[in-house]
Amino acid sequence: MNLLQHCPFGLATLLVVLPMGVSLPAEDPVASLHSVISVKASNPILHGLEVKTPLDADRRWVSLRGPQFYSSPEKPNENELPSYLNWYEIRKPKPEAGKNLKLTDEFSGRQSFDVVLGGPAFYLMPAQTIKDGPPSDTPEGLNHFIAFRIENVDSVTLPEPTPGKPAFVCVPAEEWHHADHFPIKAASTLLMVYEAASKRLDAKVTTIDQFGLNGLTTEAKRFVYVRATRKE
């Protein structure tokens, strides 16, 4: 799908990326790492939309500001479409009871671990980068996500080594925005986000998401993520 088909609004910004469709466990978790980089948008977006995750009984309204972060593969695979995500801050989220999830990720292999989710922090939106010529297509299985803060994690079963402290779990989200509807494409695919050693990155990238084009100035690498799977 080309995101140019979904740009009824002005300019915006984009972030993250991830190649989907690879079975767990990965042979080399480091090869699938995505960097999550803080950015400053040339055209900051303030907007709202309705979303619903598999953890929700009803739709929720989220007010967005950003992008605040942008994610992309650390080591792009030439045989896969790169997956990029723009991370929009969720403004003034409503308090909610913690939700318990059992997960595996590409560090844990078949070993599952438990996390307790806190409040929602970011809304992740598929994006494309623009260099020379038109943007490339997005991966077919790339979801929209809500990034929930991690309130607690079972440190006994948490895989080691990991890049850093567990920070967020990104849960797939269905979205309704005016006449557009974005269904969940891969319900069992989540993202496990870890803190990373901060690394200054001074660059510029032009992205396009459903809000339109945006120029991003990268600031620093803050987190990394790998694909995860929810265990029932």
C-alpha atoms as a PDB file:
ATOM      1  CA  MET A   1       0.000   0.000   0.000  1.00  0.00           C
ATOM      2  CA  ASN A   2       1.321   3.407  -0.875  1.00  0.00           C
ATOM      3  CA  LEU A   3       0.625   5.950   1.877  1.00  0.00           C
ATOM      4  CA  LEU A   4       0.287   8.708  -0.695  1.00  0.00           C
ATOM      5  CA  GLN A   5      -3.245   7.372  -1.157  1.00  0.00           C
ATOM      6  CA  HIS A   6      -4.122   8.323   2.437  1.00  0.00           C
ATOM      7  CA  CYS A   7      -3.010  11.953   2.772  1.00  0.00           C
ATOM      8  CA  PRO A   8      -6.113  14.172   2.872  1.00  0.00           C
ATOM      9  CA  PHE A   9      -4.478  16.443   5.435  1.00  0.00           C
ATOM     10  CA  GLY A  10      -1.504  18.759   5.522  1.00  0.00           C
ATOM     11  CA  LEU A  11       2.005  17.833   6.414  1.00  0.00           C
ATOM     12  CA  ALA A  12       3.006  15.451   9.157  1.00  0.00           C
ATOM     13  CA  THR A  13       5.806  13.303  10.382  1.00  0.00           C
ATOM     14  CA  LEU A  14       6.661   9.688  10.538  1.00  0.00           C
ATOM     15  CA  LEU A  15       8.669   7.303  12.587  1.00  0.00           C
ATOM     16  CA  VAL A  16       9.346   3.706  13.250  1.00  0.00           C
ATOM     17  CA  VAL A  17       9.780   0.702  11.014  1.00  0.00           C
ATOM     18  CA  LEU A  18       9.718  -3.025  11.214  1.00  0.00           C
ATOM     19  CA  PRO A  19       9.784  -6.000   8.877  1.00  0.00           C
ATOM     20  CA  MET A  20       6.974  -8.408   9.787  1.00  0.00           C
ATOM     21  CA  GLY A  21       6.242 -11.989   8.993  1.00  0.00           C
ATOM     22  CA  VAL A  22       9.375 -13.643  10.428  1.00  0.00           C
ATOM     23  CA  SER A  23       8.683 -16.557  12.751  1.00  0.00           C
ATOM     24  CA  LEU A  24       9.966 -16.518  16.315  1.00  0.00           C
ATOM     25  CA  PRO A  25      12.527 -17.159  17.576  1.00  0.00           C
ATOM     26  CA  ALA A  26      14.878 -15.270  15.284  1.00  0.00           C
ATOM     27  CA  GLU A  27      18.292 -16.800  14.659  1.00  0.00           C
ATOM     28  CA  ASP A  28      19.923 -13.456  15.396  1.00  0.00           C
ATOM     29  CA  PRO A  29      17.819 -11.022  17.479  1.00  0.00           C
ATOM     30  CA  VAL A  30      20.333  -8.238  16.901  1.00  0.00           C
ATOM     31  CA  ALA A  31      19.721  -8.502  13.155  1.00  0.00           C
ATOM     32  CA  SER A  32      16.048  -7.600  13.668  1.00  0.00           C
ATOM     33  CA  LEU A  33      16.568  -4.664  16.033  1.00  0.00           C
ATOM     34  CA  HIS A  34      14.910  -1.374  15.158  1.00  0.00           C
ATOM     35  CA  SER A  35      16.228   1.928  16.457  1.00  0.00           C
ATOM     36  CA  VAL A  36      13.732   4.320  18.045  1.00  0.00           C
ATOM     37  CA  ILE A  37      15.063   7.846  17.561  1.00  0.00           C
ATOM     38  CA  SER A  38      13.829  11.099  19.049  1.00  0.00           C
ATOM     39  CA  VAL A  39      13.026  13.658  16.363  1.00  0.00           C
ATOM     40  CA  LYS A  40      11.950  17.237  15.859  1.00  0.00           C
ATOM     41  CA  ALA A  41       9.252  17.638  13.209  1.00  0.00           C
ATOM     42  CA  SER A  42       9.275  20.533  10.771  1.00  0.00           C
ATOM     43  CA  ASN A  43       5.463  20.465  10.822  1.00  0.00           C
ATOM     44  CA  PRO A  44       4.248  19.142  14.220  1.00  0.00           C
ATOM     45  CA  ILE A  45       0.831  17.498  14.080  1.00  0.00           C
ATOM     46  CA  LEU A  46      -1.989  17.856  16.613  1.00  0.00           C
ATOM     47  CA  HIS A  47      -4.854  15.537  15.808  1.00  0.00           C
ATOM     48  CA  GLY A  48      -7.276  12.991  17.258  1.00  0.00           C
ATOM     49  CA  LEU A  49      -8.682   9.642  16.157  1.00  0.00           C
ATOM     50  CA  GLU A  50     -10.444   6.495  17.408  1.00  0.00           C
ATOM     51  CA  VAL A  51      -8.569   3.247  18.010  1.00  0.00           C
ATOM     52  CA  LYS A  52      -9.214  -0.149  19.541  1.00  0.00           C
ATOM     53  CA  THR A  53      -6.716  -2.826  20.576  1.00  0.00           C
ATOM     54  CA  PRO A  54      -7.488  -6.507  21.269  1.00  0.00           C
ATOM     55  CA  LEU A  55      -7.247  -5.563  24.960  1.00  0.00           C
ATOM     56  CA  ASP A  56     -10.106  -3.033  24.704  1.00  0.00           C
ATOM     57  CA  ALA A  57     -13.822  -3.666  24.982  1.00  0.00           C
ATOM     58  CA  ASP A  58     -14.648  -0.422  23.166  1.00  0.00           C
ATOM     59  CA  ARG A  59     -13.004   2.146  20.935  1.00  0.00           C
ATOM     60  CA  ARG A  60     -10.867   4.765  22.631  1.00  0.00           C
ATOM     61  CA  TRP A  61     -10.288   8.355  21.530  1.00  0.00           C
ATOM     62  CA  VAL A  62      -6.648   9.427  21.450  1.00  0.00           C
ATOM     63  CA  SER A  63      -5.308  12.933  21.006  1.00  0.00           C
ATOM     64  CA  LEU A  64      -1.954  12.897  19.234  1.00  0.00           C
ATOM     65  CA  ARG A  65       1.041  15.225  19.037  1.00  0.00           C
ATOM     66  CA  GLY A  66       4.162  14.623  17.041  1.00  0.00           C
ATOM     67  CA  PRO A  67       5.880  12.729  15.744  1.00  0.00           C
ATOM     68  CA  GLN A  68       8.101  12.523  18.794  1.00  0.00           C
ATOM     69  CA  PHE A  69      10.056   9.455  17.633  1.00  0.00           C
ATOM     70  CA  TYR A  70      10.818   7.624  14.397  1.00  0.00           C
ATOM     71  CA  SER A  71      11.876   3.985  14.124  1.00  0.00           C
ATOM     72  CA  SER A  72      13.732   2.105  11.418  1.00  0.00           C
ATOM     73  CA  PRO A  73      15.769  -1.128  11.069  1.00  0.00           C
ATOM     74  CA  GLU A  74      19.297  -1.011  12.421  1.00  0.00           C
ATOM     75  CA  LYS A  75      20.447  -3.447   9.723  1.00  0.00           C
ATOM     76  CA  PRO A  76      18.014  -3.334   6.781  1.00  0.00           C
ATOM     77  CA  ASN A  77      17.435  -6.675   5.045  1.00  0.00           C
ATOM     78  CA  GLU A  78      17.689  -6.256   1.287  1.00  0.00           C
ATOM     79  CA  ASN A  79      15.177  -9.121   0.857  1.00  0.00           C
ATOM     80  CA  GLU A  80      12.450  -7.391   2.898  1.00  0.00           C
ATOM     81  CA  LEU A  81      10.576  -4.126   2.671  1.00  0.00           C
ATOM     82  CA  PRO A  82      11.854  -1.904   5.504  1.00  0.00           C
ATOM     83  CA  SER A  83       9.253  -1.063   8.108  1.00  0.00           C
ATOM     84  CA  TYR A  84       9.135   2.479   9.440  1.00  0.00           C
ATOM     85  CA  LEU A  85       6.903   3.849  12.183  1.00  0.00           C
ATOM     86  CA  ASN A  86       6.198   7.396  13.336  1.00  0.00           C
ATOM     87  CA  TRP A  87       5.586   7.622  17.069  1.00  0.00           C
ATOM     88  CA  TYR A  88       3.010  10.217  18.107  1.00  0.00           C
ATOM     89  CA  GLU A  89       2.681  11.157  21.766  1.00  0.00           C
ATOM     90  CA  ILE A  90      -0.740  10.369  23.260  1.00  0.00           C
ATOM     91  CA  ARG A  91      -1.767  13.539  25.078  1.00  0.00           C
ATOM     92  CA  LYS A  92      -3.439  13.340  28.492  1.00  0.00           C
ATOM     93  CA  PRO A  93      -4.292   9.612  28.400  1.00  0.00           C
ATOM     94  CA  LYS A  94      -7.025   8.459  30.729  1.00  0.00           C
ATOM     95  CA  PRO A  95      -5.899   6.335  33.711  1.00  0.00           C
ATOM     96  CA  GLU A  96      -6.623   2.642  33.297  1.00  0.00           C
ATOM     97  CA  ALA A  97      -6.133  -0.583  35.209  1.00  0.00           C
ATOM     98  CA  GLY A  98      -2.968  -2.507  34.446  1.00  0.00           C
ATOM     99  CA  LYS A  99      -3.310  -5.357  31.963  1.00  0.00           C
ATOM    100  CA  ASN A 100      -1.309  -8.579  32.223  1.00  0.00           C
ATOM    101  CA  LEU A 101       0.293 -10.099  29.136  1.00  0.00           C
ATOM    102  CA  LYS A 102       2.429 -13.178  28.579  1.00  0.00           C
ATOM    103  CA  LEU A 103       4.934 -12.674  25.773  1.00  0.00           C
ATOM    104  CA  THR A 104       7.862 -14.108  23.927  1.00  0.00           C
ATOM    105  CA  ASP A 105      10.208 -11.939  21.912  1.00  0.00           C
ATOM    106  CA  GLU A 106      13.190 -12.483  19.674  1.00  0.00           C
ATOM    107  CA  PHE A 107      15.542 -12.499  22.657  1.00  0.00           C
ATOM    108  CA  SER A 108      13.533 -15.017  24.681  1.00  0.00           C
ATOM    109  CA  GLY A 109      12.891 -17.542  21.902  1.00  0.00           C
ATOM    110  CA  ARG A 110      10.300 -19.993  23.232  1.00  0.00           C
ATOM    111  CA  GLN A 111      10.672 -18.811  26.844  1.00  0.00           C
ATOM    112  CA  SER A 112       7.655 -16.660  27.772  1.00  0.00           C
ATOM    113  CA  PHE A 113       7.639 -13.867  30.355  1.00  0.00           C
ATOM    114  CA  ASP A 114       4.927 -11.780  32.022  1.00  0.00           C
ATOM    115  CA  VAL A 115       4.483  -8.021  31.863  1.00  0.00           C
ATOM    116  CA  VAL A 116       1.982  -5.652  33.469  1.00  0.00           C
ATOM    117  CA  LEU A 117       1.053  -2.748  31.233  1.00  0.00           C
ATOM    118  CA  GLY A 118       0.673   0.801  32.488  1.00  0.00           C
ATOM    119  CA  GLY A 119      -0.878   3.705  30.611  1.00  0.00           C
ATOM    120  CA  PRO A 120      -0.689   4.348  26.861  1.00  0.00           C
ATOM    121  CA  ALA A 121       2.179   6.619  25.836  1.00  0.00           C
ATOM    122  CA  PHE A 122       2.485   6.651  22.025  1.00  0.00           C
ATOM    123  CA  TYR A 123       0.526   5.837  18.908  1.00  0.00           C
ATOM    124  CA  LEU A 124       2.659   4.227  16.197  1.00  0.00           C
ATOM    125  CA  MET A 125       1.721   4.843  12.584  1.00  0.00           C
ATOM    126  CA  PRO A 126       3.239   3.127   9.511  1.00  0.00           C
ATOM    127  CA  ALA A 127       5.391   5.477   7.485  1.00  0.00           C
ATOM    128  CA  GLN A 128       7.526   5.593   4.382  1.00  0.00           C
ATOM    129  CA  THR A 129      10.706   7.506   3.731  1.00  0.00           C
ATOM    130  CA  ILE A 130      11.232   9.650   0.677  1.00  0.00           C
ATOM    131  CA  LYS A 131      14.656   9.971  -0.908  1.00  0.00           C
ATOM    132  CA  ASP A 132      14.806  10.086  -4.691  1.00  0.00           C
ATOM    133  CA  GLY A 133      11.544   9.412  -6.481  1.00  0.00           C
ATOM    134  CA  PRO A 134       8.283   8.066  -5.005  1.00  0.00           C
ATOM    135  CA  PRO A 135       8.185   6.325  -1.609  1.00  0.00           C
ATOM    136  CA  SER A 136       8.378   2.548  -1.509  1.00  0.00           C
ATOM    137  CA  ASP A 137       5.467   0.364  -0.416  1.00  0.00           C
ATOM    138  CA  THR A 138       4.944  -0.532   3.240  1.00  0.00           C
ATOM    139  CA  PRO A 139       5.129  -4.172   4.420  1.00  0.00           C
ATOM    140  CA  GLU A 140       1.759  -5.917   4.121  1.00  0.00           C
ATOM    141  CA  GLY A 141       1.738  -7.076   7.759  1.00  0.00           C
ATOM    142  CA  LEU A 142       2.715  -3.776   9.377  1.00  0.00           C
ATOM    143  CA  ASN A 143       0.226  -2.773  12.072  1.00  0.00           C
ATOM    144  CA  HIS A 144      -0.681   0.457  13.758  1.00  0.00           C
ATOM    145  CA  PHE A 145       0.228   0.161  17.456  1.00  0.00           C
ATOM    146  CA  ILE A 146      -0.363   1.689  20.864  1.00  0.00           C
ATOM    147  CA  ALA A 147       2.802   1.728  22.995  1.00  0.00           C
ATOM    148  CA  PHE A 148       1.923   1.014  26.639  1.00  0.00           C
ATOM    149  CA  ARG A 149       4.431   1.767  29.369  1.00  0.00           C
ATOM    150  CA  ILE A 150       5.623  -1.302  31.250  1.00  0.00           C
ATOM    151  CA  GLU A 151       4.541  -1.094  34.871  1.00  0.00           C
ATOM    152  CA  ASN A 152       6.124  -4.357  35.964  1.00  0.00           C
ATOM    153  CA  VAL A 153       7.940  -7.288  34.370  1.00  0.00           C
ATOM    154  CA  ASP A 154       8.726 -10.774  35.650  1.00  0.00           C
ATOM    155  CA  SER A 155      12.485 -10.366  35.987  1.00  0.00           C
ATOM    156  CA  VAL A 156      12.973 -14.067  36.717  1.00  0.00           C
ATOM    157  CA  THR A 157      11.809 -15.169  33.272  1.00  0.00           C
ATOM    158  CA  LEU A 158      12.846 -12.033  31.358  1.00  0.00           C
ATOM    159  CA  PRO A 159      15.419 -13.122  28.772  1.00  0.00           C
ATOM    160  CA  GLU A 160      19.069 -12.175  29.187  1.00  0.00           C
ATOM    161  CA  PRO A 161      20.934 -10.482  27.750  1.00  0.00           C
ATOM    162  CA  THR A 162      18.680  -7.716  26.469  1.00  0.00           C
ATOM    163  CA  PRO A 163      19.660  -4.253  25.204  1.00  0.00           C
ATOM    164  CA  GLY A 164      18.443  -2.546  28.370  1.00  0.00           C
ATOM    165  CA  LYS A 165      15.521  -2.041  30.724  1.00  0.00           C
ATOM    166  CA  PRO A 166      12.072  -2.985  29.321  1.00  0.00           C
ATOM    167  CA  ALA A 167      10.217   0.238  28.494  1.00  0.00           C
ATOM    168  CA  PHE A 168       7.077  -0.366  26.384  1.00  0.00           C
ATOM    169  CA  VAL A 169       4.963  -3.069  24.829  1.00  0.00           C
ATOM    170  CA  CYS A 170       3.374  -2.020  21.529  1.00  0.00           C
ATOM    171  CA  VAL A 171      -0.016  -3.656  20.968  1.00  0.00           C
ATOM    172  CA  PRO A 172      -1.705  -3.762  17.516  1.00  0.00           C
ATOM    173  CA  ALA A 173      -4.496  -1.216  17.071  1.00  0.00           C
ATOM    174  CA  GLU A 174      -7.441  -0.836  14.725  1.00  0.00           C
ATOM    175  CA  GLU A 175      -8.033   2.769  13.668  1.00  0.00           C
ATOM    176  CA  TRP A 176     -11.003   4.874  12.510  1.00  0.00           C
ATOM    177  CA  HIS A 177     -10.186   8.313  11.158  1.00  0.00           C
ATOM    178  CA  HIS A 178     -12.863  10.224   9.240  1.00  0.00           C
ATOM    179  CA  ALA A 179     -13.653   7.989   6.241  1.00  0.00           C
ATOM    180  CA  ASP A 180     -10.526   5.850   6.668  1.00  0.00           C
ATOM    181  CA  HIS A 181     -10.456   2.532   8.478  1.00  0.00           C
ATOM    182  CA  PHE A 182      -7.213   0.685   9.198  1.00  0.00           C
ATOM    183  CA  PRO A 183      -7.814  -2.886  10.449  1.00  0.00           C
ATOM    184  CA  ILE A 184      -5.311  -4.919  12.441  1.00  0.00           C
ATOM    185  CA  LYS A 185      -3.223  -6.952  10.010  1.00  0.00           C
ATOM    186  CA  ALA A 186      -1.315  -9.257  12.365  1.00  0.00           C
ATOM    187  CA  ALA A 187      -3.108  -9.553  15.704  1.00  0.00           C
ATOM    188  CA  SER A 188      -0.497 -11.736  17.409  1.00  0.00           C
ATOM    189  CA  THR A 189       2.467  -9.515  16.485  1.00  0.00           C
ATOM    190  CA  LEU A 190       3.557  -7.043  19.165  1.00  0.00           C
ATOM    191  CA  LEU A 191       6.717  -5.022  19.686  1.00  0.00           C
ATOM    192  CA  MET A 192       8.906  -5.270  22.771  1.00  0.00           C
ATOM    193  CA  VAL A 193      10.759  -2.002  23.399  1.00  0.00           C
ATOM    194  CA  TYR A 194      13.928  -1.729  25.500  1.00  0.00           C
ATOM    195  CA  GLU A 195      15.883   1.284  26.670  1.00  0.00           C
ATOM    196  CA  ALA A 196      19.151   1.745  24.806  1.00  0.00           C
ATOM    197  CA  ALA A 197      22.337   3.651  25.446  1.00  0.00           C
ATOM    198  CA  SER A 198      21.679   7.155  24.150  1.00  0.00           C
ATOM    199  CA  LYS A 199      23.519   7.923  20.936  1.00  0.00           C
ATOM    200  CA  ARG A 200      23.500  11.336  19.282  1.00  0.00           C
ATOM    201  CA  LEU A 201      22.252  11.273  15.688  1.00  0.00           C
ATOM    202  CA  ASP A 202      22.274  14.427  13.593  1.00  0.00           C
ATOM    203  CA  ALA A 203      20.462  13.833  10.313  1.00  0.00           C
ATOM    204  CA  LYS A 204      17.334  14.718   8.391  1.00  0.00           C
ATOM    205  CA  VAL A 205      14.715  12.385   6.958  1.00  0.00           C
ATOM    206  CA  THR A 206      11.523  13.071   5.004  1.00  0.00           C
ATOM    207  CA  THR A 207       8.631  10.750   5.777  1.00  0.00           C
ATOM    208  CA  ILE A 208       5.039  10.337   4.736  1.00  0.00           C
ATOM    209  CA  ASP A 209       2.230   8.783   6.782  1.00  0.00           C
ATOM    210  CA  GLN A 210      -1.559   9.135   6.748  1.00  0.00           C
ATOM    211  CA  PHE A 211      -1.242  12.790   7.785  1.00  0.00           C
ATOM    212  CA  GLY A 212       1.050  13.639   4.879  1.00  0.00           C
ATOM    213  CA  LEU A 213       4.662  14.646   4.359  1.00  0.00           C
ATOM    214  CA  ASN A 214       6.934  15.795   7.157  1.00  0.00           C
ATOM    215  CA  GLY A 215      10.582  16.629   7.540  1.00  0.00           C
ATOM    216  CA  LEU A 216      12.215  15.142  10.650  1.00  0.00           C
ATOM    217  CA  THR A 217      15.470  16.187  12.260  1.00  0.00           C
ATOM    218  CA  THR A 218      16.867  13.266  14.232  1.00  0.00           C
ATOM    219  CA  GLU A 219      18.274  13.944  17.695  1.00  0.00           C
ATOM    220  CA  ALA A 220      19.272  10.758  19.533  1.00  0.00           C
ATOM    221  CA  LYS A 221      18.668   7.019  19.646  1.00  0.00           C
ATOM    222  CA  ARG A 222      16.655   6.325  22.804  1.00  0.00           C
ATOM    223  CA  PHE A 223      15.191   2.814  22.505  1.00  0.00           C
ATOM    224  CA  VAL A 224      15.293  -0.330  20.401  1.00  0.00           C
ATOM    225  CA  TYR A 225      12.568  -2.849  19.689  1.00  0.00           C
ATOM    226  CA  VAL A 226      12.177  -6.404  18.458  1.00  0.00           C
ATOM    227  CA  ARG A 227       9.083  -8.284  17.371  1.00  0.00           C
ATOM    228  CA  ALA A 228       7.176 -10.116  20.084  1.00  0.00           C
ATOM    229  CA  THR A 229       4.298 -12.594  20.207  1.00  0.00           C
ATOM    230  CA  ARG A 230       1.451 -12.711  22.691  1.00  0.00           C
ATOM    231  CA  LYS A 231       0.941 -16.063  24.391  1.00  0.00           C
ATOM    232  CA  GLU A 232      -2.566 -16.964  25.532  1.00  0.00           C
END
